[in-house]
N, C-alpha and C. Protein backbone atom coordinates (compact mmCIF):
# COMPACT_ATOMS: atom_id res chain seq x y z
N UNK A 1 -32.18 -9.70 2.13
CA UNK A 1 -32.70 -9.09 3.46
C UNK A 1 -32.68 -7.67 3.50
N UNK A 2 -33.63 -7.01 3.79
CA UNK A 2 -33.83 -5.58 3.79
C UNK A 2 -33.31 -5.02 5.01
N UNK A 3 -32.45 -4.01 5.11
CA UNK A 3 -32.01 -3.22 6.17
C UNK A 3 -33.11 -2.41 6.92
N UNK A 4 -33.00 -2.14 8.01
CA UNK A 4 -33.95 -1.32 8.90
C UNK A 4 -33.90 0.10 8.41
N UNK A 5 -34.91 0.99 8.72
CA UNK A 5 -34.81 2.36 8.39
C UNK A 5 -33.76 3.01 9.17
N UNK A 6 -33.53 2.72 10.43
CA UNK A 6 -32.46 3.31 11.10
C UNK A 6 -30.92 3.15 10.62
N UNK A 7 -30.60 1.95 10.24
CA UNK A 7 -29.42 1.56 9.43
C UNK A 7 -29.41 2.25 8.15
N UNK A 8 -30.44 2.24 7.39
CA UNK A 8 -30.45 2.88 6.04
C UNK A 8 -30.19 4.45 6.17
N UNK A 9 -30.76 5.10 7.22
CA UNK A 9 -30.52 6.55 7.39
C UNK A 9 -29.09 6.71 7.74
N UNK A 10 -28.38 5.95 8.61
CA UNK A 10 -27.03 6.16 8.74
C UNK A 10 -26.21 5.90 7.53
N UNK A 11 -26.44 4.91 6.60
CA UNK A 11 -25.85 4.76 5.48
C UNK A 11 -26.01 6.04 4.47
N UNK A 12 -27.24 6.43 4.45
CA UNK A 12 -27.35 7.69 3.47
C UNK A 12 -26.91 9.00 4.10
N UNK A 13 -26.60 9.16 5.18
CA UNK A 13 -26.26 10.37 5.84
C UNK A 13 -24.71 10.43 6.14
N UNK A 14 -23.92 9.47 5.59
CA UNK A 14 -22.49 9.57 5.89
C UNK A 14 -21.84 10.68 5.03
N UNK A 15 -20.83 11.20 5.64
CA UNK A 15 -20.19 12.21 4.90
C UNK A 15 -18.71 11.63 4.21
N UNK A 16 -18.24 12.26 3.14
CA UNK A 16 -17.09 11.80 2.72
C UNK A 16 -16.00 11.99 3.62
N UNK A 17 -14.91 11.06 3.50
CA UNK A 17 -13.76 10.90 4.36
C UNK A 17 -13.32 12.31 4.79
N UNK A 18 -13.13 13.36 3.88
CA UNK A 18 -12.40 14.52 3.99
C UNK A 18 -13.47 15.57 4.81
N UNK A 19 -14.52 15.40 5.08
CA UNK A 19 -15.48 16.08 5.71
C UNK A 19 -15.83 15.47 7.27
N UNK A 20 -15.22 14.31 7.64
CA UNK A 20 -15.46 13.74 8.84
C UNK A 20 -14.54 14.42 9.89
N UNK A 21 -14.99 14.83 11.08
CA UNK A 21 -14.18 15.30 12.28
C UNK A 21 -13.93 13.95 13.24
N UNK A 22 -12.78 13.87 13.62
CA UNK A 22 -12.49 12.69 14.57
C UNK A 22 -13.45 13.06 15.94
N UNK A 23 -14.03 11.92 16.55
CA UNK A 23 -14.80 12.19 17.71
C UNK A 23 -13.78 11.58 18.83
N UNK A 24 -13.17 12.42 19.76
CA UNK A 24 -12.38 11.95 20.78
C UNK A 24 -13.15 11.70 22.00
N UNK A 25 -12.82 10.52 22.59
CA UNK A 25 -13.38 9.89 23.75
C UNK A 25 -12.36 9.66 24.73
N UNK A 26 -12.46 10.10 25.91
CA UNK A 26 -11.69 9.84 27.18
C UNK A 26 -12.37 8.84 28.09
N UNK A 27 -11.72 7.64 28.23
CA UNK A 27 -12.54 6.69 29.10
C UNK A 27 -11.50 6.34 30.21
N UNK A 28 -12.02 6.65 31.53
CA UNK A 28 -11.23 6.45 32.86
C UNK A 28 -11.82 5.30 33.61
N UNK A 29 -11.04 4.32 33.78
CA UNK A 29 -11.39 3.09 34.51
C UNK A 29 -11.49 3.44 35.94
N UNK A 30 -12.26 2.57 36.61
CA UNK A 30 -12.35 2.67 38.20
C UNK A 30 -11.06 2.16 38.78
N UNK A 31 -11.04 2.18 40.10
CA UNK A 31 -9.80 1.65 40.75
C UNK A 31 -9.56 2.07 42.07
N UNK A 32 -10.59 2.88 42.49
CA UNK A 32 -10.44 3.48 43.78
C UNK A 32 -9.22 4.49 44.02
N UNK A 33 -8.38 4.25 44.95
CA UNK A 33 -7.32 5.13 45.29
C UNK A 33 -6.30 4.96 44.11
N UNK A 34 -6.15 3.85 43.31
CA UNK A 34 -5.26 3.72 42.44
C UNK A 34 -5.47 4.81 41.31
N UNK A 35 -6.67 5.55 41.29
CA UNK A 35 -7.03 6.47 40.27
C UNK A 35 -6.04 7.93 40.32
N UNK A 36 -5.36 7.81 41.39
CA UNK A 36 -4.37 8.82 41.71
C UNK A 36 -3.34 8.91 40.50
N UNK A 37 -3.02 7.65 40.02
CA UNK A 37 -2.26 7.67 38.85
C UNK A 37 -2.96 7.94 37.59
N UNK A 38 -4.13 7.74 37.41
CA UNK A 38 -4.97 8.39 36.33
C UNK A 38 -4.80 9.83 36.19
N UNK A 39 -5.07 10.44 37.52
CA UNK A 39 -4.99 11.81 37.63
C UNK A 39 -3.58 12.41 37.34
N UNK A 40 -2.49 11.77 37.76
CA UNK A 40 -1.26 12.27 37.30
C UNK A 40 -0.98 12.21 35.83
N UNK A 41 -1.39 11.18 35.29
CA UNK A 41 -1.45 11.05 33.73
C UNK A 41 -2.09 12.25 33.18
N UNK A 42 -3.32 12.49 33.45
CA UNK A 42 -4.24 13.56 32.97
C UNK A 42 -3.55 14.76 33.17
N UNK A 43 -2.87 15.04 34.34
CA UNK A 43 -2.31 16.42 34.70
C UNK A 43 -1.05 16.52 33.76
N UNK A 44 -0.25 15.48 33.47
CA UNK A 44 0.86 15.63 32.28
C UNK A 44 0.23 15.94 31.05
N UNK A 45 -0.89 15.28 30.61
CA UNK A 45 -1.51 15.50 29.37
C UNK A 45 -2.03 16.95 29.23
N UNK A 46 -2.63 17.61 30.24
CA UNK A 46 -3.01 18.80 30.19
C UNK A 46 -1.76 19.95 29.85
N UNK A 47 -0.87 19.54 30.83
CA UNK A 47 0.31 20.59 30.59
C UNK A 47 1.23 20.26 29.30
N UNK A 48 1.34 19.06 28.89
CA UNK A 48 2.16 18.67 27.60
C UNK A 48 1.23 19.34 26.40
N UNK A 49 -0.12 19.18 26.42
CA UNK A 49 -0.86 19.80 25.42
C UNK A 49 -0.74 21.13 25.11
N UNK A 50 -0.65 21.81 26.32
CA UNK A 50 -0.26 23.34 26.05
C UNK A 50 0.98 23.63 25.49
N UNK A 51 2.07 22.93 25.97
CA UNK A 51 3.45 23.27 25.31
C UNK A 51 3.08 22.72 23.78
N UNK A 52 2.50 21.69 23.46
CA UNK A 52 2.57 21.45 22.27
C UNK A 52 1.76 22.42 21.34
N UNK A 53 0.71 22.92 21.82
CA UNK A 53 -0.24 23.93 20.87
C UNK A 53 0.71 25.10 20.93
N UNK A 54 1.48 25.51 21.86
CA UNK A 54 2.20 26.89 21.54
C UNK A 54 3.33 26.53 20.64
N UNK A 55 3.85 25.37 20.62
CA UNK A 55 4.74 25.05 19.49
C UNK A 55 4.13 25.16 18.03
N UNK A 56 3.09 24.47 17.83
CA UNK A 56 2.34 24.30 16.68
C UNK A 56 1.56 25.46 16.06
N UNK A 57 0.77 26.02 17.08
CA UNK A 57 -0.02 27.31 16.74
C UNK A 57 -0.99 27.01 15.54
N UNK A 58 -1.42 25.85 15.20
CA UNK A 58 -2.30 25.84 14.16
C UNK A 58 -3.44 24.98 14.69
N UNK A 59 -4.06 25.46 15.74
CA UNK A 59 -5.15 24.58 16.27
C UNK A 59 -6.11 25.49 17.09
N UNK A 60 -7.44 25.22 17.29
CA UNK A 60 -8.12 25.97 18.01
C UNK A 60 -8.17 26.00 19.52
N UNK A 61 -7.31 24.91 19.99
CA UNK A 61 -7.21 25.00 21.29
C UNK A 61 -6.26 26.09 21.84
N UNK A 62 -6.55 26.56 23.07
CA UNK A 62 -5.79 27.64 23.74
C UNK A 62 -5.59 27.15 25.18
N UNK A 63 -4.33 27.66 25.68
CA UNK A 63 -3.98 27.37 27.04
C UNK A 63 -4.72 28.22 27.77
N UNK A 64 -5.11 27.90 29.11
CA UNK A 64 -5.62 28.69 30.11
C UNK A 64 -4.52 29.47 30.85
N UNK A 65 -4.95 30.28 31.85
CA UNK A 65 -4.11 31.09 32.59
C UNK A 65 -2.98 30.20 33.39
N UNK A 66 -3.20 29.00 33.62
CA UNK A 66 -2.39 28.13 34.45
C UNK A 66 -1.42 27.32 33.49
N UNK A 67 -1.61 27.59 32.22
CA UNK A 67 -0.56 26.94 31.24
C UNK A 67 -1.13 25.47 31.07
N UNK A 68 -2.41 25.14 30.97
CA UNK A 68 -2.97 24.02 30.65
C UNK A 68 -4.19 24.03 29.59
N UNK A 69 -4.28 22.93 28.96
CA UNK A 69 -5.47 22.87 28.15
C UNK A 69 -6.25 21.88 28.91
N UNK A 70 -7.61 22.06 29.35
CA UNK A 70 -8.38 21.14 30.15
C UNK A 70 -8.89 20.10 29.30
N UNK A 71 -9.06 19.00 29.68
CA UNK A 71 -9.57 17.82 29.35
C UNK A 71 -10.96 18.06 28.52
N UNK A 72 -11.79 18.81 29.20
CA UNK A 72 -13.03 19.01 28.42
C UNK A 72 -13.00 19.76 27.09
N UNK A 73 -11.87 20.35 27.05
CA UNK A 73 -11.53 21.20 25.70
C UNK A 73 -10.86 20.17 24.65
N UNK A 74 -10.18 19.22 25.21
CA UNK A 74 -9.72 18.23 24.19
C UNK A 74 -10.47 16.94 23.72
N UNK A 75 -11.57 16.72 24.53
CA UNK A 75 -12.26 15.50 24.31
C UNK A 75 -13.88 15.87 24.08
N UNK A 76 -14.27 15.12 23.10
CA UNK A 76 -15.95 15.33 22.92
C UNK A 76 -16.73 14.63 23.90
N UNK A 77 -16.27 13.55 24.47
CA UNK A 77 -16.81 12.82 25.40
C UNK A 77 -15.91 12.22 26.44
N UNK A 78 -16.30 12.44 27.73
CA UNK A 78 -15.48 11.92 28.89
C UNK A 78 -16.28 11.09 29.79
N UNK A 79 -15.94 9.81 29.95
CA UNK A 79 -16.81 8.77 30.69
C UNK A 79 -15.80 7.92 31.63
N UNK A 80 -16.42 7.36 32.57
CA UNK A 80 -15.65 6.47 33.38
C UNK A 80 -16.44 5.47 34.23
N UNK A 81 -15.80 4.59 34.78
CA UNK A 81 -16.56 3.65 35.54
C UNK A 81 -16.06 3.75 37.11
N UNK A 82 -16.96 3.61 38.15
CA UNK A 82 -16.72 3.62 39.46
C UNK A 82 -15.96 5.06 39.87
N UNK A 83 -14.70 5.00 40.18
CA UNK A 83 -14.10 6.17 40.80
C UNK A 83 -13.64 6.88 39.34
N UNK A 84 -13.40 6.35 38.39
CA UNK A 84 -13.27 7.05 37.20
C UNK A 84 -14.43 7.93 36.50
N UNK A 85 -15.61 7.40 36.95
CA UNK A 85 -16.82 8.19 36.73
C UNK A 85 -16.83 9.45 37.52
N UNK A 86 -16.37 9.29 38.71
CA UNK A 86 -16.48 10.61 39.57
C UNK A 86 -15.33 11.63 38.94
N UNK A 87 -14.28 11.03 38.58
CA UNK A 87 -13.05 12.05 37.88
C UNK A 87 -13.71 12.48 36.72
N UNK A 88 -14.36 11.72 35.97
CA UNK A 88 -14.94 12.28 34.59
C UNK A 88 -15.93 13.36 34.83
N UNK A 89 -16.71 13.08 35.78
CA UNK A 89 -17.74 14.37 36.20
C UNK A 89 -16.99 15.41 36.67
N UNK A 90 -16.10 15.25 37.40
CA UNK A 90 -15.38 16.37 37.92
C UNK A 90 -14.66 17.16 36.87
N UNK A 91 -14.14 16.48 35.77
CA UNK A 91 -13.57 17.11 34.80
C UNK A 91 -14.31 18.10 33.96
N UNK A 92 -15.66 17.78 33.86
CA UNK A 92 -16.61 18.49 33.07
C UNK A 92 -17.55 19.52 33.99
N UNK A 93 -17.51 19.29 35.24
CA UNK A 93 -18.39 20.15 36.12
C UNK A 93 -17.86 21.57 36.06
N UNK A 94 -18.83 22.60 36.08
CA UNK A 94 -18.49 24.06 36.00
C UNK A 94 -17.89 24.08 37.35
N UNK A 95 -16.64 24.95 37.23
CA UNK A 95 -15.74 25.11 38.51
C UNK A 95 -16.20 26.67 38.90
N UNK A 96 -16.49 26.94 40.27
CA UNK A 96 -16.83 28.14 40.78
C UNK A 96 -17.91 28.86 40.36
N UNK A 97 -18.85 28.14 39.74
CA UNK A 97 -20.17 28.62 39.32
C UNK A 97 -20.04 29.24 38.04
N UNK A 98 -18.81 28.92 37.20
CA UNK A 98 -18.79 29.52 36.00
C UNK A 98 -18.88 28.46 34.85
N UNK A 99 -19.88 28.63 33.92
CA UNK A 99 -19.94 27.47 33.07
C UNK A 99 -18.89 27.34 32.08
N UNK A 100 -18.11 28.24 31.79
CA UNK A 100 -16.94 28.02 30.84
C UNK A 100 -15.71 27.60 31.61
N UNK A 101 -15.64 27.53 32.88
CA UNK A 101 -14.62 26.96 33.65
C UNK A 101 -14.92 25.58 34.04
N UNK A 102 -13.74 24.77 34.17
CA UNK A 102 -14.00 23.43 34.83
C UNK A 102 -12.72 23.19 35.56
N UNK A 103 -12.74 22.26 36.45
CA UNK A 103 -11.57 21.71 37.28
C UNK A 103 -10.45 21.09 36.20
N UNK A 104 -9.37 21.45 36.63
CA UNK A 104 -8.05 20.69 35.98
C UNK A 104 -7.93 19.49 36.75
N UNK A 105 -7.04 18.45 36.26
CA UNK A 105 -6.84 17.20 36.79
C UNK A 105 -6.00 17.48 37.96
N UNK A 106 -5.24 18.69 38.18
CA UNK A 106 -4.59 18.89 39.28
C UNK A 106 -5.23 19.36 40.33
N UNK A 107 -6.36 20.16 40.11
CA UNK A 107 -7.19 20.49 41.21
C UNK A 107 -8.07 19.32 41.82
N UNK A 108 -8.40 18.50 40.82
CA UNK A 108 -9.13 17.22 41.40
C UNK A 108 -8.23 16.32 42.18
N UNK A 109 -6.91 16.25 41.85
CA UNK A 109 -5.83 15.48 42.65
C UNK A 109 -5.76 16.05 43.92
N UNK A 110 -5.75 17.29 44.03
CA UNK A 110 -5.55 18.00 45.47
C UNK A 110 -6.85 17.64 46.31
N UNK A 111 -7.94 17.39 45.76
CA UNK A 111 -9.18 17.13 46.52
C UNK A 111 -9.27 15.69 46.77
N UNK A 112 -8.67 14.81 45.89
CA UNK A 112 -8.83 13.46 45.90
C UNK A 112 -7.97 12.83 47.36
């Protein structure tokens, strides 16, 4: 059986293992008001990631002025269902009209 053109193009365009970059995905499930727990966990991740980066110093990530690394800087794709989708959109939405800024999980929690 012959494979389709699409699958053949995927096979032909694969890179060697040492050239592949991981694709990081954050998925946030729905849950209504229970998503406050998700935001608290994301808030901890943003703060802890900054502390980790300051210790390791061999990464391209940088902490912002609040001592956080925002989710949009750590993940290639952020998605969610129901309330998780609203949180995902808020995490990547430009804040205060600046395209390079976005809301932290703590700011979203304050508005939640």
